[in-house]
């Protein structure tokens, strides 16, 4: 999954991606990291209910409205996992969610991704070409069916990944431009 996001400033490709991990059986076990061009810039833990900056350039912009949106978005992801994934789960299980966008500043091409894993296996992904949710396991079929019947869910993610995510990516690139250029990412 991670290899889908290779990026660098020199090729014109830039990426913003989030990796969320939730463990069932304990409502308070949810963490997330955000990466800009493969550099971690944010860490979120549900126990603190706050996103923490992981780079100097994010610390300098910590009070921006965009930073508050990041925290609220990750809290929302936690609640969505609790209400949609862990509803029938028994025992300890791990759910991972990867979502984000790529933007090529030379061509303008935009790609979005949203996929998930369950206990280390592929679970479900959003197929933008077919405009459908596709499950990879039998356990995900009922969730896939529910997601495909709720077209608003697809529209939400499509809009987020093609618009909101790209806007955040561009803004974060401005925040970290000098630092990211120095590291060559």
C-alpha atoms as a PDB file:
ATOM      1  CA  UNK A   1       0.000   0.000   0.000  1.00  0.00           C
ATOM      2  CA  UNK A   2       2.716   2.462   0.938  1.00  0.00           C
ATOM      3  CA  UNK A   3       4.537   2.151  -2.400  1.00  0.00           C
ATOM      4  CA  UNK A   4       1.618   3.833  -4.151  1.00  0.00           C
ATOM      5  CA  UNK A   5       2.753   7.149  -2.731  1.00  0.00           C
ATOM      6  CA  UNK A   6       6.351   7.546  -3.937  1.00  0.00           C
ATOM      7  CA  UNK A   7       6.852  11.259  -4.478  1.00  0.00           C
ATOM      8  CA  UNK A   8       9.375  14.034  -4.631  1.00  0.00           C
ATOM      9  CA  UNK A   9       9.465  17.728  -5.407  1.00  0.00           C
ATOM     10  CA  UNK A  10      11.935  17.238  -8.261  1.00  0.00           C
ATOM     11  CA  UNK A  11       9.506  15.168 -10.359  1.00  0.00           C
ATOM     12  CA  UNK A  12       6.558  17.480  -9.771  1.00  0.00           C
ATOM     13  CA  UNK A  13       4.691  14.880  -7.704  1.00  0.00           C
ATOM     14  CA  UNK A  14       3.607  15.819  -4.214  1.00  0.00           C
ATOM     15  CA  UNK A  15       1.589  13.759  -1.782  1.00  0.00           C
ATOM     16  CA  UNK A  16      -0.432  14.167   1.379  1.00  0.00           C
ATOM     17  CA  UNK A  17      -1.416  10.950   3.097  1.00  0.00           C
ATOM     18  CA  UNK A  18      -2.731   9.776   6.429  1.00  0.00           C
ATOM     19  CA  UNK A  19      -2.210   6.417   8.104  1.00  0.00           C
ATOM     20  CA  UNK A  20      -4.764   5.620  10.806  1.00  0.00           C
ATOM     21  CA  UNK A  21      -4.668   2.579  13.084  1.00  0.00           C
ATOM     22  CA  UNK A  22      -7.450   1.429  15.385  1.00  0.00           C
ATOM     23  CA  UNK A  23      -7.552  -1.614  17.652  1.00  0.00           C
ATOM     24  CA  UNK A  24     -10.931  -3.077  18.615  1.00  0.00           C
ATOM     25  CA  UNK A  25     -11.911  -3.844  22.164  1.00  0.00           C
ATOM     26  CA  UNK A  26     -10.722  -0.486  23.427  1.00  0.00           C
ATOM     27  CA  UNK A  27     -12.433   2.707  22.263  1.00  0.00           C
ATOM     28  CA  UNK A  28      -9.360   4.694  23.195  1.00  0.00           C
ATOM     29  CA  UNK A  29      -6.894   2.948  20.888  1.00  0.00           C
ATOM     30  CA  UNK A  30      -6.609   5.079  17.761  1.00  0.00           C
ATOM     31  CA  UNK A  31      -3.558   6.807  16.341  1.00  0.00           C
ATOM     32  CA  UNK A  32      -2.798   8.541  13.064  1.00  0.00           C
ATOM     33  CA  UNK A  33       0.169  10.060  11.309  1.00  0.00           C
ATOM     34  CA  UNK A  34       0.174  12.465   8.396  1.00  0.00           C
ATOM     35  CA  UNK A  35       2.924  12.591   5.794  1.00  0.00           C
ATOM     36  CA  UNK A  36       3.708  15.331   3.319  1.00  0.00           C
ATOM     37  CA  UNK A  37       5.984  14.019   0.561  1.00  0.00           C
ATOM     38  CA  UNK A  38       6.820  11.112   2.870  1.00  0.00           C
ATOM     39  CA  UNK A  39       7.878  13.408   5.739  1.00  0.00           C
ATOM     40  CA  UNK A  40       5.819  12.977   8.903  1.00  0.00           C
ATOM     41  CA  UNK A  41       4.328  16.325   9.888  1.00  0.00           C
ATOM     42  CA  UNK A  42       1.535  15.327  12.279  1.00  0.00           C
ATOM     43  CA  UNK A  43       0.778  12.745  14.951  1.00  0.00           C
ATOM     44  CA  UNK A  44      -2.640  12.194  16.482  1.00  0.00           C
ATOM     45  CA  UNK A  45      -3.588  10.074  19.469  1.00  0.00           C
ATOM     46  CA  UNK A  46      -7.207   9.748  20.592  1.00  0.00           C
ATOM     47  CA  UNK A  47      -6.097   9.824  24.240  1.00  0.00           C
ATOM     48  CA  UNK A  48      -4.952  13.437  23.887  1.00  0.00           C
ATOM     49  CA  UNK A  49      -7.661  14.357  21.346  1.00  0.00           C
ATOM     50  CA  UNK A  50      -5.089  16.632  19.727  1.00  0.00           C
ATOM     51  CA  UNK A  51      -2.914  16.484  16.675  1.00  0.00           C
ATOM     52  CA  UNK A  52       0.738  17.223  17.462  1.00  0.00           C
ATOM     53  CA  UNK A  53       3.101  18.840  14.964  1.00  0.00           C
ATOM     54  CA  UNK A  54       6.190  16.803  14.103  1.00  0.00           C
ATOM     55  CA  UNK A  55       8.123  19.391  12.106  1.00  0.00           C
ATOM     56  CA  UNK A  56       9.285  22.912  12.881  1.00  0.00           C
ATOM     57  CA  UNK A  57       7.329  24.300   9.925  1.00  0.00           C
ATOM     58  CA  UNK A  58       4.101  22.809  11.261  1.00  0.00           C
ATOM     59  CA  UNK A  59       4.808  24.045  14.792  1.00  0.00           C
ATOM     60  CA  UNK A  60       5.072  27.565  13.355  1.00  0.00           C
ATOM     61  CA  UNK A  61       1.568  27.178  11.868  1.00  0.00           C
ATOM     62  CA  UNK A  62      -0.019  25.258  14.722  1.00  0.00           C
ATOM     63  CA  UNK A  63      -2.601  27.946  15.459  1.00  0.00           C
ATOM     64  CA  UNK A  64      -3.960  28.137  11.915  1.00  0.00           C
ATOM     65  CA  UNK A  65      -7.551  27.117  11.172  1.00  0.00           C
ATOM     66  CA  UNK A  66      -6.199  24.398   8.922  1.00  0.00           C
ATOM     67  CA  UNK A  67      -4.437  22.821  11.896  1.00  0.00           C
ATOM     68  CA  UNK A  68      -7.707  22.743  13.853  1.00  0.00           C
ATOM     69  CA  UNK A  69      -9.379  21.091  10.851  1.00  0.00           C
ATOM     70  CA  UNK A  70      -6.724  18.375  10.920  1.00  0.00           C
ATOM     71  CA  UNK A  71      -7.540  17.550  14.540  1.00  0.00           C
ATOM     72  CA  UNK A  72     -11.300  17.513  13.906  1.00  0.00           C
ATOM     73  CA  UNK A  73     -10.896  15.375  10.791  1.00  0.00           C
ATOM     74  CA  UNK A  74      -8.901  12.745  12.673  1.00  0.00           C
ATOM     75  CA  UNK A  75     -11.407  12.695  15.540  1.00  0.00           C
ATOM     76  CA  UNK A  76     -14.126  12.164  12.912  1.00  0.00           C
ATOM     77  CA  UNK A  77     -12.155   9.255  11.404  1.00  0.00           C
ATOM     78  CA  UNK A  78     -11.986   7.644  14.841  1.00  0.00           C
ATOM     79  CA  UNK A  79     -15.734   7.962  15.329  1.00  0.00           C
ATOM     80  CA  UNK A  80     -16.457   6.603  11.840  1.00  0.00           C
ATOM     81  CA  UNK A  81     -14.319   3.545  12.535  1.00  0.00           C
ATOM     82  CA  UNK A  82     -16.073   2.988  15.853  1.00  0.00           C
ATOM     83  CA  UNK A  83     -19.523   3.216  14.291  1.00  0.00           C
ATOM     84  CA  UNK A  84     -18.848   1.400  10.999  1.00  0.00           C
ATOM     85  CA  UNK A  85     -16.097  -1.143  11.591  1.00  0.00           C
ATOM     86  CA  UNK A  86     -16.226  -2.201  15.228  1.00  0.00           C
ATOM     87  CA  UNK A  87     -19.989  -2.632  15.480  1.00  0.00           C
ATOM     88  CA  UNK A  88     -19.905  -6.466  15.309  1.00  0.00           C
ATOM     89  CA  UNK A  89     -16.298  -7.168  16.205  1.00  0.00           C
ATOM     90  CA  UNK A  90     -15.367  -9.471  19.069  1.00  0.00           C
ATOM     91  CA  UNK A  91     -11.872  -9.902  20.417  1.00  0.00           C
ATOM     92  CA  UNK A  92      -8.850  -7.832  19.447  1.00  0.00           C
ATOM     93  CA  UNK A  93      -8.566  -6.783  15.813  1.00  0.00           C
ATOM     94  CA  UNK A  94      -6.606  -4.116  13.982  1.00  0.00           C
ATOM     95  CA  UNK A  95      -8.099  -1.817  11.359  1.00  0.00           C
ATOM     96  CA  UNK A  96      -5.858   0.398   9.257  1.00  0.00           C
ATOM     97  CA  UNK A  97      -6.967   3.206   6.996  1.00  0.00           C
ATOM     98  CA  UNK A  98      -4.822   4.963   4.420  1.00  0.00           C
ATOM     99  CA  UNK A  99      -6.163   7.955   2.563  1.00  0.00           C
ATOM    100  CA  UNK A 100      -4.714  10.908   0.766  1.00  0.00           C
ATOM    101  CA  UNK A 101      -3.928  12.566  -2.521  1.00  0.00           C
ATOM    102  CA  UNK A 102      -1.178  13.145  -5.008  1.00  0.00           C
ATOM    103  CA  UNK A 103      -0.822  16.312  -7.041  1.00  0.00           C
ATOM    104  CA  UNK A 104       1.615  16.841  -9.875  1.00  0.00           C
ATOM    105  CA  UNK A 105       2.454  20.542  -9.893  1.00  0.00           C
ATOM    106  CA  UNK A 106       3.803  20.265 -13.454  1.00  0.00           C
ATOM    107  CA  UNK A 107       0.837  18.525 -15.113  1.00  0.00           C
ATOM    108  CA  UNK A 108      -1.967  19.332 -12.659  1.00  0.00           C
ATOM    109  CA  UNK A 109      -2.862  15.626 -12.424  1.00  0.00           C
ATOM    110  CA  UNK A 110      -4.607  14.630  -9.191  1.00  0.00           C
ATOM    111  CA  UNK A 111      -4.945  11.123  -7.759  1.00  0.00           C
ATOM    112  CA  UNK A 112      -6.833  10.144  -4.633  1.00  0.00           C
ATOM    113  CA  UNK A 113      -6.564   6.988  -2.605  1.00  0.00           C
ATOM    114  CA  UNK A 114      -8.624   5.484   0.166  1.00  0.00           C
ATOM    115  CA  UNK A 115      -7.989   1.929   1.247  1.00  0.00           C
ATOM    116  CA  UNK A 116      -8.150  -0.080   4.405  1.00  0.00           C
ATOM    117  CA  UNK A 117      -6.784  -3.219   5.990  1.00  0.00           C
ATOM    118  CA  UNK A 118      -8.121  -5.534   8.652  1.00  0.00           C
ATOM    119  CA  UNK A 119      -5.802  -7.674  10.782  1.00  0.00           C
ATOM    120  CA  UNK A 120      -2.966  -7.059   8.331  1.00  0.00           C
ATOM    121  CA  UNK A 121      -4.924  -8.021   5.199  1.00  0.00           C
ATOM    122  CA  UNK A 122      -6.408  -5.828   2.471  1.00  0.00           C
ATOM    123  CA  UNK A 123      -9.996  -5.017   3.460  1.00  0.00           C
ATOM    124  CA  UNK A 124     -11.679  -2.492   1.180  1.00  0.00           C
ATOM    125  CA  UNK A 125     -10.748   0.283  -1.237  1.00  0.00           C
ATOM    126  CA  UNK A 126     -12.426   3.039  -3.182  1.00  0.00           C
ATOM    127  CA  UNK A 127     -12.275   2.449  -6.959  1.00  0.00           C
ATOM    128  CA  UNK A 128     -12.570   5.899  -8.519  1.00  0.00           C
ATOM    129  CA  UNK A 129     -12.829   4.649 -12.094  1.00  0.00           C
ATOM    130  CA  UNK A 130     -15.790   2.383 -11.341  1.00  0.00           C
ATOM    131  CA  UNK A 131     -17.100   4.760  -8.656  1.00  0.00           C
ATOM    132  CA  UNK A 132     -17.561   1.868  -6.230  1.00  0.00           C
ATOM    133  CA  UNK A 133     -16.264   0.512  -2.986  1.00  0.00           C
ATOM    134  CA  UNK A 134     -14.559  -2.847  -3.493  1.00  0.00           C
ATOM    135  CA  UNK A 135     -14.024  -5.317  -0.685  1.00  0.00           C
ATOM    136  CA  UNK A 136     -11.066  -7.653  -0.569  1.00  0.00           C
ATOM    137  CA  UNK A 137     -12.435 -10.031   2.074  1.00  0.00           C
ATOM    138  CA  UNK A 138     -15.674 -11.738   2.965  1.00  0.00           C
ATOM    139  CA  UNK A 139     -15.779  -9.766   6.238  1.00  0.00           C
ATOM    140  CA  UNK A 140     -16.033  -6.502   4.278  1.00  0.00           C
ATOM    141  CA  UNK A 141     -18.909  -7.464   1.966  1.00  0.00           C
ATOM    142  CA  UNK A 142     -21.675  -6.072   4.179  1.00  0.00           C
ATOM    143  CA  UNK A 143     -19.765  -2.814   4.696  1.00  0.00           C
ATOM    144  CA  UNK A 144     -19.045  -2.637   0.953  1.00  0.00           C
ATOM    145  CA  UNK A 145     -22.731  -3.101   0.172  1.00  0.00           C
ATOM    146  CA  UNK A 146     -23.761  -0.430   2.662  1.00  0.00           C
ATOM    147  CA  UNK A 147     -21.148   2.007   1.316  1.00  0.00           C
ATOM    148  CA  UNK A 148     -22.175   1.394  -2.302  1.00  0.00           C
ATOM    149  CA  UNK A 149     -25.843   1.942  -1.409  1.00  0.00           C
ATOM    150  CA  UNK A 150     -24.995   5.247   0.264  1.00  0.00           C
ATOM    151  CA  UNK A 151     -23.785   7.213  -2.761  1.00  0.00           C
ATOM    152  CA  UNK A 152     -23.192  10.234  -0.558  1.00  0.00           C
ATOM    153  CA  UNK A 153     -20.268   8.368   1.035  1.00  0.00           C
ATOM    154  CA  UNK A 154     -18.528   7.998  -2.345  1.00  0.00           C
ATOM    155  CA  UNK A 155     -19.256  11.623  -3.232  1.00  0.00           C
ATOM    156  CA  UNK A 156     -17.861  12.789   0.114  1.00  0.00           C
ATOM    157  CA  UNK A 157     -14.564  10.928  -0.364  1.00  0.00           C
ATOM    158  CA  UNK A 158     -14.245  11.881  -4.022  1.00  0.00           C
ATOM    159  CA  UNK A 159     -14.739  15.560  -3.173  1.00  0.00           C
ATOM    160  CA  UNK A 160     -12.413  15.372  -0.183  1.00  0.00           C
ATOM    161  CA  UNK A 161      -9.596  13.594  -2.032  1.00  0.00           C
ATOM    162  CA  UNK A 162      -9.823  15.622  -5.252  1.00  0.00           C
ATOM    163  CA  UNK A 163     -10.447  19.038  -3.693  1.00  0.00           C
ATOM    164  CA  UNK A 164     -10.018  19.470   0.067  1.00  0.00           C
ATOM    165  CA  UNK A 165      -7.010  17.159   0.293  1.00  0.00           C
ATOM    166  CA  UNK A 166      -5.273  18.880  -2.627  1.00  0.00           C
ATOM    167  CA  UNK A 167      -5.939  22.319  -1.111  1.00  0.00           C
ATOM    168  CA  UNK A 168      -4.406  21.154   2.184  1.00  0.00           C
ATOM    169  CA  UNK A 169      -1.483  19.604   0.304  1.00  0.00           C
ATOM    170  CA  UNK A 170      -0.749  22.891  -1.444  1.00  0.00           C
ATOM    171  CA  UNK A 171      -1.013  24.878   1.775  1.00  0.00           C
ATOM    172  CA  UNK A 172       1.220  22.442   3.679  1.00  0.00           C
ATOM    173  CA  UNK A 173       3.760  22.593   0.840  1.00  0.00           C
ATOM    174  CA  UNK A 174       3.951  26.345   1.373  1.00  0.00           C
ATOM    175  CA  UNK A 175       4.438  25.849   5.126  1.00  0.00           C
ATOM    176  CA  UNK A 176       7.265  23.360   4.618  1.00  0.00           C
ATOM    177  CA  UNK A 177       8.724  24.474   1.305  1.00  0.00           C
ATOM    178  CA  UNK A 178      12.215  25.405   2.496  1.00  0.00           C
ATOM    179  CA  UNK A 179      12.558  22.388   4.762  1.00  0.00           C
ATOM    180  CA  UNK A 180      11.282  19.892   2.180  1.00  0.00           C
ATOM    181  CA  UNK A 181      13.584  21.302  -0.508  1.00  0.00           C
ATOM    182  CA  UNK A 182      16.588  20.880   1.817  1.00  0.00           C
ATOM    183  CA  UNK A 183      15.772  17.193   2.401  1.00  0.00           C
ATOM    184  CA  UNK A 184      15.130  16.581  -1.290  1.00  0.00           C
ATOM    185  CA  UNK A 185      11.627  15.215  -0.782  1.00  0.00           C
END
